[in-house]
Amino acid sequence: MVGNLIGLWILYFLGMVLAVWGLGSLGFLDGAFWAILAAAGFLAFMTCIYIKLTELHAKQKDIEKKLDALLAQQPSPVPDELEPSSSDKLQD
């Protein structure tokens, strides 16, 4: 996860630098380096969380499939006939 965070942070940072550099050359932004750095870190962190949650969801689905397969293999329980049936109650 740390490798993903660092790689995504660099990717987002470079993308934001290019965008802000273009806007700065037009005179819209000046001195926004620290804001770009923080925004790139935040976006990288949120993307890593999304990736991790997606992996966990896939693992959960896999475990559910395995449990369903195990339950399908298990024989159905035989009901106990400790109580008299309804037809026996009517005859009494």
PDB file of N, CA and C in Angstrom:
ATOM      1  N   MET A   1       0.829  -1.194   0.000  1.00  0.00           N
ATOM      2  CA  MET A   1       0.000   0.000   0.000  1.00  0.00           C
ATOM      3  C   MET A   1       0.871   1.254   0.000  1.00  0.00           C
ATOM      4  N   VAL A   2       1.992   1.189   0.679  1.00  0.00           N
ATOM      5  CA  VAL A   2       2.875   2.358   0.725  1.00  0.00           C
ATOM      6  C   VAL A   2       3.435   2.645  -0.669  1.00  0.00           C
ATOM      7  N   GLY A   3       3.773   1.580  -1.395  1.00  0.00           N
ATOM      8  CA  GLY A   3       4.265   1.771  -2.761  1.00  0.00           C
ATOM      9  C   GLY A   3       3.218   2.413  -3.653  1.00  0.00           C
ATOM     10  N   ASN A   4       1.961   1.960  -3.499  1.00  0.00           N
ATOM     11  CA  ASN A   4       0.870   2.580  -4.258  1.00  0.00           C
ATOM     12  C   ASN A   4       0.729   4.051  -3.893  1.00  0.00           C
ATOM     13  N   LEU A   5       0.811   4.345  -2.593  1.00  0.00           N
ATOM     14  CA  LEU A   5       0.652   5.727  -2.132  1.00  0.00           C
ATOM     15  C   LEU A   5       1.735   6.624  -2.726  1.00  0.00           C
ATOM     16  N   ILE A   6       2.973   6.174  -2.691  1.00  0.00           N
ATOM     17  CA  ILE A   6       4.072   6.992  -3.209  1.00  0.00           C
ATOM     18  C   ILE A   6       3.952   7.166  -4.721  1.00  0.00           C
ATOM     19  N   GLY A   7       3.665   6.074  -5.421  1.00  0.00           N
ATOM     20  CA  GLY A   7       3.533   6.158  -6.875  1.00  0.00           C
ATOM     21  C   GLY A   7       2.383   7.048  -7.303  1.00  0.00           C
ATOM     22  N   LEU A   8       1.244   6.889  -6.643  1.00  0.00           N
ATOM     23  CA  LEU A   8       0.090   7.731  -6.990  1.00  0.00           C
ATOM     24  C   LEU A   8       0.343   9.193  -6.619  1.00  0.00           C
ATOM     25  N   TRP A   9       1.030   9.422  -5.492  1.00  0.00           N
ATOM     26  CA  TRP A   9       1.312  10.796  -5.094  1.00  0.00           C
ATOM     27  C   TRP A   9       2.176  11.481  -6.150  1.00  0.00           C
ATOM     28  N   ILE A  10       3.185  10.772  -6.637  1.00  0.00           N
ATOM     29  CA  ILE A  10       4.049  11.346  -7.674  1.00  0.00           C
ATOM     30  C   ILE A  10       3.252  11.611  -8.948  1.00  0.00           C
ATOM     31  N   LEU A  11       2.412  10.650  -9.323  1.00  0.00           N
ATOM     32  CA  LEU A  11       1.601  10.812 -10.530  1.00  0.00           C
ATOM     33  C   LEU A  11       0.661  12.016 -10.408  1.00  0.00           C
ATOM     34  N   TYR A  12      -0.066  12.088  -9.295  1.00  0.00           N
ATOM     35  CA  TYR A  12      -0.981  13.222  -9.102  1.00  0.00           C
ATOM     36  C   TYR A  12      -0.221  14.540  -8.996  1.00  0.00           C
ATOM     37  N   PHE A  13       0.918  14.514  -8.319  1.00  0.00           N
ATOM     38  CA  PHE A  13       1.700  15.727  -8.168  1.00  0.00           C
ATOM     39  C   PHE A  13       2.151  16.259  -9.524  1.00  0.00           C
ATOM     40  N   LEU A  14       2.660  15.364 -10.366  1.00  0.00           N
ATOM     41  CA  LEU A  14       3.113  15.813 -11.687  1.00  0.00           C
ATOM     42  C   LEU A  14       1.950  16.330 -12.527  1.00  0.00           C
ATOM     43  N   GLY A  15       0.819  15.664 -12.441  1.00  0.00           N
ATOM     44  CA  GLY A  15      -0.359  16.146 -13.173  1.00  0.00           C
ATOM     45  C   GLY A  15      -0.814  17.514 -12.691  1.00  0.00           C
ATOM     46  N   MET A  16      -0.795  17.712 -11.378  1.00  0.00           N
ATOM     47  CA  MET A  16      -1.212  19.014 -10.838  1.00  0.00           C
ATOM     48  C   MET A  16      -0.198  20.106 -11.152  1.00  0.00           C
ATOM     49  N   VAL A  17       1.082  19.753 -11.140  1.00  0.00           N
ATOM     50  CA  VAL A  17       2.111  20.745 -11.486  1.00  0.00           C
ATOM     51  C   VAL A  17       1.900  21.226 -12.911  1.00  0.00           C
ATOM     52  N   LEU A  18       1.643  20.287 -13.805  1.00  0.00           N
ATOM     53  CA  LEU A  18       1.401  20.684 -15.190  1.00  0.00           C
ATOM     54  C   LEU A  18       0.160  21.572 -15.313  1.00  0.00           C
ATOM     55  N   ALA A  19      -0.910  21.205 -14.605  1.00  0.00           N
ATOM     56  CA  ALA A  19      -2.138  22.004 -14.678  1.00  0.00           C
ATOM     57  C   ALA A  19      -1.931  23.396 -14.086  1.00  0.00           C
ATOM     58  N   VAL A  20      -1.289  23.463 -12.921  1.00  0.00           N
ATOM     59  CA  VAL A  20      -1.093  24.761 -12.276  1.00  0.00           C
ATOM     60  C   VAL A  20      -0.069  25.586 -13.029  1.00  0.00           C
ATOM     61  N   TRP A  21       0.934  24.934 -13.608  1.00  0.00           N
ATOM     62  CA  TRP A  21       1.924  25.672 -14.389  1.00  0.00           C
ATOM     63  C   TRP A  21       1.246  26.318 -15.597  1.00  0.00           C
ATOM     64  N   GLY A  22       0.326  25.585 -16.211  1.00  0.00           N
ATOM     65  CA  GLY A  22      -0.412  26.169 -17.327  1.00  0.00           C
ATOM     66  C   GLY A  22      -1.280  27.332 -16.886  1.00  0.00           C
ATOM     67  N   LEU A  23      -1.959  27.169 -15.746  1.00  0.00           N
ATOM     68  CA  LEU A  23      -2.789  28.264 -15.246  1.00  0.00           C
ATOM     69  C   LEU A  23      -1.923  29.431 -14.766  1.00  0.00           C
ATOM     70  N   GLY A  24      -0.773  29.112 -14.165  1.00  0.00           N
ATOM     71  CA  GLY A  24       0.124  30.176 -13.698  1.00  0.00           C
ATOM     72  C   GLY A  24       0.700  30.975 -14.846  1.00  0.00           C
ATOM     73  N   SER A  25       0.960  30.307 -15.944  1.00  0.00           N
ATOM     74  CA  SER A  25       1.507  31.037 -17.091  1.00  0.00           C
ATOM     75  C   SER A  25       0.467  31.973 -17.692  1.00  0.00           C
ATOM     76  N   LEU A  26      -0.795  31.663 -17.449  1.00  0.00           N
ATOM     77  CA  LEU A  26      -1.853  32.566 -17.897  1.00  0.00           C
ATOM     78  C   LEU A  26      -2.128  33.674 -16.880  1.00  0.00           C
ATOM     79  N   GLY A  27      -1.496  33.581 -15.698  1.00  0.00           N
ATOM     80  CA  GLY A  27      -1.654  34.616 -14.688  1.00  0.00           C
ATOM     81  C   GLY A  27      -2.772  34.335 -13.693  1.00  0.00           C
ATOM     82  N   PHE A  28      -3.310  33.100 -13.689  1.00  0.00           N
ATOM     83  CA  PHE A  28      -4.405  32.801 -12.763  1.00  0.00           C
ATOM     84  C   PHE A  28      -3.916  32.424 -11.373  1.00  0.00           C
ATOM     85  N   LEU A  29      -2.805  31.718 -11.283  1.00  0.00           N
ATOM     86  CA  LEU A  29      -2.309  31.250  -9.992  1.00  0.00           C
ATOM     87  C   LEU A  29      -0.855  31.655  -9.801  1.00  0.00           C
ATOM     88  N   ASP A  30      -0.528  32.007  -8.558  1.00  0.00           N
ATOM     89  CA  ASP A  30       0.859  32.312  -8.221  1.00  0.00           C
ATOM     90  C   ASP A  30       1.179  31.697  -6.858  1.00  0.00           C
ATOM     91  N   GLY A  31       2.298  31.008  -6.749  1.00  0.00           N
ATOM     92  CA  GLY A  31       2.766  30.462  -5.470  1.00  0.00           C
ATOM     93  C   GLY A  31       1.874  29.402  -4.867  1.00  0.00           C
ATOM     94  N   ALA A  32       1.421  28.484  -5.648  1.00  0.00           N
ATOM     95  CA  ALA A  32       0.512  27.458  -5.150  1.00  0.00           C
ATOM     96  C   ALA A  32       1.202  26.106  -4.945  1.00  0.00           C
ATOM     97  N   PHE A  33       2.519  26.105  -4.790  1.00  0.00           N
ATOM     98  CA  PHE A  33       3.253  24.844  -4.702  1.00  0.00           C
ATOM     99  C   PHE A  33       2.797  23.985  -3.524  1.00  0.00           C
ATOM    100  N   TRP A  34       2.660  24.593  -2.337  1.00  0.00           N
ATOM    101  CA  TRP A  34       2.291  23.805  -1.150  1.00  0.00           C
ATOM    102  C   TRP A  34       0.857  23.291  -1.240  1.00  0.00           C
ATOM    103  N   ALA A  35       0.005  24.054  -1.853  1.00  0.00           N
ATOM    104  CA  ALA A  35      -1.366  23.585  -2.051  1.00  0.00           C
ATOM    105  C   ALA A  35      -1.406  22.401  -3.020  1.00  0.00           C
ATOM    106  N   ILE A  36      -0.581  22.466  -4.045  1.00  0.00           N
ATOM    107  CA  ILE A  36      -0.497  21.356  -4.999  1.00  0.00           C
ATOM    108  C   ILE A  36       0.049  20.113  -4.307  1.00  0.00           C
ATOM    109  N   LEU A  37       1.073  20.281  -3.504  1.00  0.00           N
ATOM    110  CA  LEU A  37       1.678  19.174  -2.782  1.00  0.00           C
ATOM    111  C   LEU A  37       0.662  18.509  -1.856  1.00  0.00           C
ATOM    112  N   ALA A  38      -0.088  19.301  -1.114  1.00  0.00           N
ATOM    113  CA  ALA A  38      -1.092  18.758  -0.195  1.00  0.00           C
ATOM    114  C   ALA A  38      -2.240  18.093  -0.947  1.00  0.00           C
ATOM    115  N   ALA A  39      -2.709  18.705  -1.997  1.00  0.00           N
ATOM    116  CA  ALA A  39      -3.814  18.134  -2.773  1.00  0.00           C
ATOM    117  C   ALA A  39      -3.405  16.819  -3.427  1.00  0.00           C
ATOM    118  N   ALA A  40      -2.184  16.743  -3.938  1.00  0.00           N
ATOM    119  CA  ALA A  40      -1.703  15.507  -4.551  1.00  0.00           C
ATOM    120  C   ALA A  40      -1.596  14.400  -3.509  1.00  0.00           C
ATOM    121  N   GLY A  41      -1.117  14.723  -2.328  1.00  0.00           N
ATOM    122  CA  GLY A  41      -1.038  13.734  -1.253  1.00  0.00           C
ATOM    123  C   GLY A  41      -2.413  13.250  -0.827  1.00  0.00           C
ATOM    124  N   PHE A  42      -3.358  14.158  -0.714  1.00  0.00           N
ATOM    125  CA  PHE A  42      -4.719  13.780  -0.331  1.00  0.00           C
ATOM    126  C   PHE A  42      -5.363  12.882  -1.384  1.00  0.00           C
ATOM    127  N   LEU A  43      -5.238  13.241  -2.651  1.00  0.00           N
ATOM    128  CA  LEU A  43      -5.810  12.415  -3.717  1.00  0.00           C
ATOM    129  C   LEU A  43      -5.165  11.034  -3.771  1.00  0.00           C
ATOM    130  N   ALA A  44      -3.853  10.969  -3.568  1.00  0.00           N
ATOM    131  CA  ALA A  44      -3.162   9.679  -3.566  1.00  0.00           C
ATOM    132  C   ALA A  44      -3.633   8.819  -2.394  1.00  0.00           C
ATOM    133  N   PHE A  45      -3.799   9.421  -1.240  1.00  0.00           N
ATOM    134  CA  PHE A  45      -4.269   8.695  -0.061  1.00  0.00           C
ATOM    135  C   PHE A  45      -5.683   8.162  -0.270  1.00  0.00           C
ATOM    136  N   MET A  46      -6.567   8.982  -0.797  1.00  0.00           N
ATOM    137  CA  MET A  46      -7.944   8.549  -1.036  1.00  0.00           C
ATOM    138  C   MET A  46      -8.002   7.451  -2.100  1.00  0.00           C
ATOM    139  N   THR A  47      -7.156   7.528  -3.115  1.00  0.00           N
ATOM    140  CA  THR A  47      -7.120   6.483  -4.138  1.00  0.00           C
ATOM    141  C   THR A  47      -6.616   5.172  -3.546  1.00  0.00           C
ATOM    142  N   CYS A  48      -5.624   5.232  -2.665  1.00  0.00           N
ATOM    143  CA  CYS A  48      -5.126   4.021  -2.013  1.00  0.00           C
ATOM    144  C   CYS A  48      -6.204   3.388  -1.135  1.00  0.00           C
ATOM    145  N   ILE A  49      -6.972   4.195  -0.451  1.00  0.00           N
ATOM    146  CA  ILE A  49      -8.071   3.664   0.362  1.00  0.00           C
ATOM    147  C   ILE A  49      -9.094   2.985  -0.533  1.00  0.00           C
ATOM    148  N   TYR A  50      -9.407   3.586  -1.655  1.00  0.00           N
ATOM    149  CA  TYR A  50     -10.362   2.981  -2.587  1.00  0.00           C
ATOM    150  C   TYR A  50      -9.843   1.646  -3.113  1.00  0.00           C
ATOM    151  N   ILE A  51      -8.566   1.594  -3.465  1.00  0.00           N
ATOM    152  CA  ILE A  51      -7.969   0.348  -3.962  1.00  0.00           C
ATOM    153  C   ILE A  51      -8.036  -0.730  -2.887  1.00  0.00           C
ATOM    154  N   LYS A  52      -7.712  -0.381  -1.647  1.00  0.00           N
ATOM    155  CA  LYS A  52      -7.733  -1.354  -0.554  1.00  0.00           C
ATOM    156  C   LYS A  52      -9.151  -1.850  -0.299  1.00  0.00           C
ATOM    157  N   LEU A  53     -10.131  -0.958  -0.308  1.00  0.00           N
ATOM    158  CA  LEU A  53     -11.513  -1.368  -0.098  1.00  0.00           C
ATOM    159  C   LEU A  53     -12.008  -2.274  -1.224  1.00  0.00           C
ATOM    160  N   THR A  54     -11.574  -2.006  -2.441  1.00  0.00           N
ATOM    161  CA  THR A  54     -11.945  -2.860  -3.566  1.00  0.00           C
ATOM    162  C   THR A  54     -11.350  -4.255  -3.399  1.00  0.00           C
ATOM    163  N   GLU A  55     -10.095  -4.333  -2.945  1.00  0.00           N
ATOM    164  CA  GLU A  55      -9.472  -5.632  -2.700  1.00  0.00           C
ATOM    165  C   GLU A  55     -10.197  -6.388  -1.595  1.00  0.00           C
ATOM    166  N   LEU A  56     -10.562  -5.695  -0.517  1.00  0.00           N
ATOM    167  CA  LEU A  56     -11.277  -6.345   0.580  1.00  0.00           C
ATOM    168  C   LEU A  56     -12.642  -6.834   0.139  1.00  0.00           C
ATOM    169  N   HIS A  57     -13.311  -6.079  -0.694  1.00  0.00           N
ATOM    170  CA  HIS A  57     -14.619  -6.486  -1.196  1.00  0.00           C
ATOM    171  C   HIS A  57     -14.503  -7.740  -2.061  1.00  0.00           C
ATOM    172  N   ALA A  58     -13.462  -7.812  -2.868  1.00  0.00           N
ATOM    173  CA  ALA A  58     -13.239  -8.995  -3.702  1.00  0.00           C
ATOM    174  C   ALA A  58     -12.941 -10.220  -2.835  1.00  0.00           C
ATOM    175  N   LYS A  59     -12.151 -10.048  -1.772  1.00  0.00           N
ATOM    176  CA  LYS A  59     -11.871 -11.156  -0.853  1.00  0.00           C
ATOM    177  C   LYS A  59     -13.144 -11.618  -0.152  1.00  0.00           C
ATOM    178  N   GLN A  60     -13.988 -10.666   0.238  1.00  0.00           N
ATOM    179  CA  GLN A  60     -15.237 -11.009   0.907  1.00  0.00           C
ATOM    180  C   GLN A  60     -16.130 -11.823  -0.022  1.00  0.00           C
ATOM    181  N   LYS A  61     -16.235 -11.422  -1.278  1.00  0.00           N
ATOM    182  CA  LYS A  61     -17.047 -12.165  -2.246  1.00  0.00           C
ATOM    183  C   LYS A  61     -16.496 -13.577  -2.440  1.00  0.00           C
ATOM    184  N   ASP A  62     -15.161 -13.715  -2.484  1.00  0.00           N
ATOM    185  CA  ASP A  62     -14.544 -15.024  -2.645  1.00  0.00           C
ATOM    186  C   ASP A  62     -14.853 -15.928  -1.453  1.00  0.00           C
ATOM    187  N   ILE A  63     -14.770 -15.379  -0.255  1.00  0.00           N
ATOM    188  CA  ILE A  63     -15.075 -16.150   0.951  1.00  0.00           C
ATOM    189  C   ILE A  63     -16.546 -16.556   0.968  1.00  0.00           C
ATOM    190  N   GLU A  64     -17.435 -15.651   0.554  1.00  0.00           N
ATOM    191  CA  GLU A  64     -18.862 -15.985   0.503  1.00  0.00           C
ATOM    192  C   GLU A  64     -19.125 -17.129  -0.474  1.00  0.00           C
ATOM    193  N   LYS A  65     -18.453 -17.128  -1.623  1.00  0.00           N
ATOM    194  CA  LYS A  65     -18.620 -18.216  -2.594  1.00  0.00           C
ATOM    195  C   LYS A  65     -18.133 -19.542  -2.017  1.00  0.00           C
ATOM    196  N   LYS A  66     -16.990 -19.517  -1.319  1.00  0.00           N
ATOM    197  CA  LYS A  66     -16.465 -20.730  -0.712  1.00  0.00           C
ATOM    198  C   LYS A  66     -17.414 -21.256   0.361  1.00  0.00           C
ATOM    199  N   LEU A  67     -17.974 -20.364   1.175  1.00  0.00           N
ATOM    200  CA  LEU A  67     -18.921 -20.790   2.208  1.00  0.00           C
ATOM    201  C   LEU A  67     -20.188 -21.364   1.590  1.00  0.00           C
ATOM    202  N   ASP A  68     -20.674 -20.763   0.537  1.00  0.00           N
ATOM    203  CA  ASP A  68     -21.857 -21.297  -0.140  1.00  0.00           C
ATOM    204  C   ASP A  68     -21.593 -22.690  -0.697  1.00  0.00           C
ATOM    205  N   ALA A  69     -20.392 -22.900  -1.246  1.00  0.00           N
ATOM    206  CA  ALA A  69     -20.041 -24.210  -1.776  1.00  0.00           C
ATOM    207  C   ALA A  69     -19.959 -25.246  -0.651  1.00  0.00           C
ATOM    208  N   LEU A  70     -19.394 -24.848   0.493  1.00  0.00           N
ATOM    209  CA  LEU A  70     -19.320 -25.775   1.627  1.00  0.00           C
ATOM    210  C   LEU A  70     -20.709 -26.105   2.173  1.00  0.00           C
ATOM    211  N   LEU A  71     -21.570 -25.129   2.245  1.00  0.00           N
ATOM    212  CA  LEU A  71     -22.932 -25.376   2.730  1.00  0.00           C
ATOM    213  C   LEU A  71     -23.718 -26.243   1.769  1.00  0.00           C
ATOM    214  N   ALA A  72     -23.449 -26.124   0.486  1.00  0.00           N
ATOM    215  CA  ALA A  72     -24.141 -26.957  -0.497  1.00  0.00           C
ATOM    216  C   ALA A  72     -23.685 -28.416  -0.392  1.00  0.00           C
ATOM    217  N   GLN A  73     -22.447 -28.653   0.022  1.00  0.00           N
ATOM    218  CA  GLN A  73     -21.933 -30.010   0.161  1.00  0.00           C
ATOM    219  C   GLN A  73     -22.451 -30.690   1.423  1.00  0.00           C
ATOM    220  N   GLN A  74     -22.818 -29.917   2.407  1.00  0.00           N
ATOM    221  CA  GLN A  74     -23.249 -30.462   3.687  1.00  0.00           C
ATOM    222  C   GLN A  74     -24.631 -31.093   3.540  1.00  0.00           C
ATOM    223  N   PRO A  75     -24.838 -32.328   4.082  1.00  0.00           N
ATOM    224  CA  PRO A  75     -26.159 -32.943   3.972  1.00  0.00           C
ATOM    225  C   PRO A  75     -27.178 -32.196   4.833  1.00  0.00           C
ATOM    226  N   SER A  76     -28.419 -32.232   4.391  1.00  0.00           N
ATOM    227  CA  SER A  76     -29.457 -31.529   5.148  1.00  0.00           C
ATOM    228  C   SER A  76     -29.764 -32.299   6.422  1.00  0.00           C
ATOM    229  N   PRO A  77     -30.014 -31.611   7.521  1.00  0.00           N
ATOM    230  CA  PRO A  77     -30.274 -32.296   8.790  1.00  0.00           C
ATOM    231  C   PRO A  77     -31.642 -32.991   8.763  1.00  0.00           C
ATOM    232  N   VAL A  78     -31.713 -34.139   9.424  1.00  0.00           N
ATOM    233  CA  VAL A  78     -32.968 -34.889   9.525  1.00  0.00           C
ATOM    234  C   VAL A  78     -33.767 -34.308  10.672  1.00  0.00           C
ATOM    235  N   PRO A  79     -35.034 -33.945  10.458  1.00  0.00           N
ATOM    236  CA  PRO A  79     -35.813 -33.354  11.543  1.00  0.00           C
ATOM    237  C   PRO A  79     -36.138 -34.402  12.612  1.00  0.00           C
ATOM    238  N   ASP A  80     -36.072 -33.987  13.844  1.00  0.00           N
ATOM    239  CA  ASP A  80     -36.423 -34.877  14.958  1.00  0.00           C
ATOM    240  C   ASP A  80     -37.934 -34.932  15.101  1.00  0.00           C
ATOM    241  N   GLU A  81     -38.464 -36.106  15.350  1.00  0.00           N
ATOM    242  CA  GLU A  81     -39.915 -36.264  15.512  1.00  0.00           C
ATOM    243  C   GLU A  81     -40.225 -36.522  16.976  1.00  0.00           C
ATOM    244  N   LEU A  82     -39.892 -35.575  17.806  1.00  0.00           N
ATOM    245  CA  LEU A  82     -40.177 -35.716  19.225  1.00  0.00           C
ATOM    246  C   LEU A  82     -41.623 -35.337  19.529  1.00  0.00           C
ATOM    247  N   GLU A  83     -42.147 -34.368  18.800  1.00  0.00           N
ATOM    248  CA  GLU A  83     -43.527 -33.938  19.017  1.00  0.00           C
ATOM    249  C   GLU A  83     -44.448 -34.754  18.117  1.00  0.00           C
ATOM    250  N   PRO A  84     -45.644 -35.048  18.584  1.00  0.00           N
ATOM    251  CA  PRO A  84     -46.586 -35.776  17.728  1.00  0.00           C
ATOM    252  C   PRO A  84     -47.018 -34.894  16.558  1.00  0.00           C
ATOM    253  N   SER A  85     -47.293 -35.528  15.442  1.00  0.00           N
ATOM    254  CA  SER A  85     -47.701 -34.774  14.276  1.00  0.00           C
ATOM    255  C   SER A  85     -49.097 -34.210  14.460  1.00  0.00           C
ATOM    256  N   SER A  86     -49.502 -33.309  13.589  1.00  0.00           N
ATOM    257  CA  SER A  86     -50.809 -32.659  13.713  1.00  0.00           C
ATOM    258  C   SER A  86     -51.948 -33.669  13.510  1.00  0.00           C
ATOM    259  N   SER A  87     -51.771 -34.701  12.696  1.00  0.00           N
ATOM    260  CA  SER A  87     -52.840 -35.702  12.499  1.00  0.00           C
ATOM    261  C   SER A  87     -53.030 -36.517  13.760  1.00  0.00           C
ATOM    262  N   ASP A  88     -51.966 -36.770  14.542  1.00  0.00           N
ATOM    263  CA  ASP A  88     -52.088 -37.488  15.806  1.00  0.00           C
ATOM    264  C   ASP A  88     -52.836 -36.649  16.835  1.00  0.00           C
ATOM    265  N   LYS A  89     -52.631 -35.351  16.808  1.00  0.00           N
ATOM    266  CA  LYS A  89     -53.316 -34.473  17.759  1.00  0.00           C
ATOM    267  C   LYS A  89     -54.815 -34.458  17.482  1.00  0.00           C
ATOM    268  N   LEU A  90     -55.194 -34.498  16.232  1.00  0.00           N
ATOM    269  CA  LEU A  90     -56.617 -34.468  15.896  1.00  0.00           C
ATOM    270  C   LEU A  90     -57.320 -35.754  16.302  1.00  0.00           C
ATOM    271  N   GLN A  91     -56.617 -36.866  16.319  1.00  0.00           N
ATOM    272  CA  GLN A  91     -57.234 -38.146  16.668  1.00  0.00           C
ATOM    273  C   GLN A  91     -57.467 -38.253  18.166  1.00  0.00           C
ATOM    274  N   ASP A  92     -56.738 -37.561  19.001  1.00  0.00           N
ATOM    275  CA  ASP A  92     -56.893 -37.658  20.456  1.00  0.00           C
ATOM    276  C   ASP A  92     -58.102 -36.988  20.966  1.00  0.00           C
TER     277      ASP A  92
END
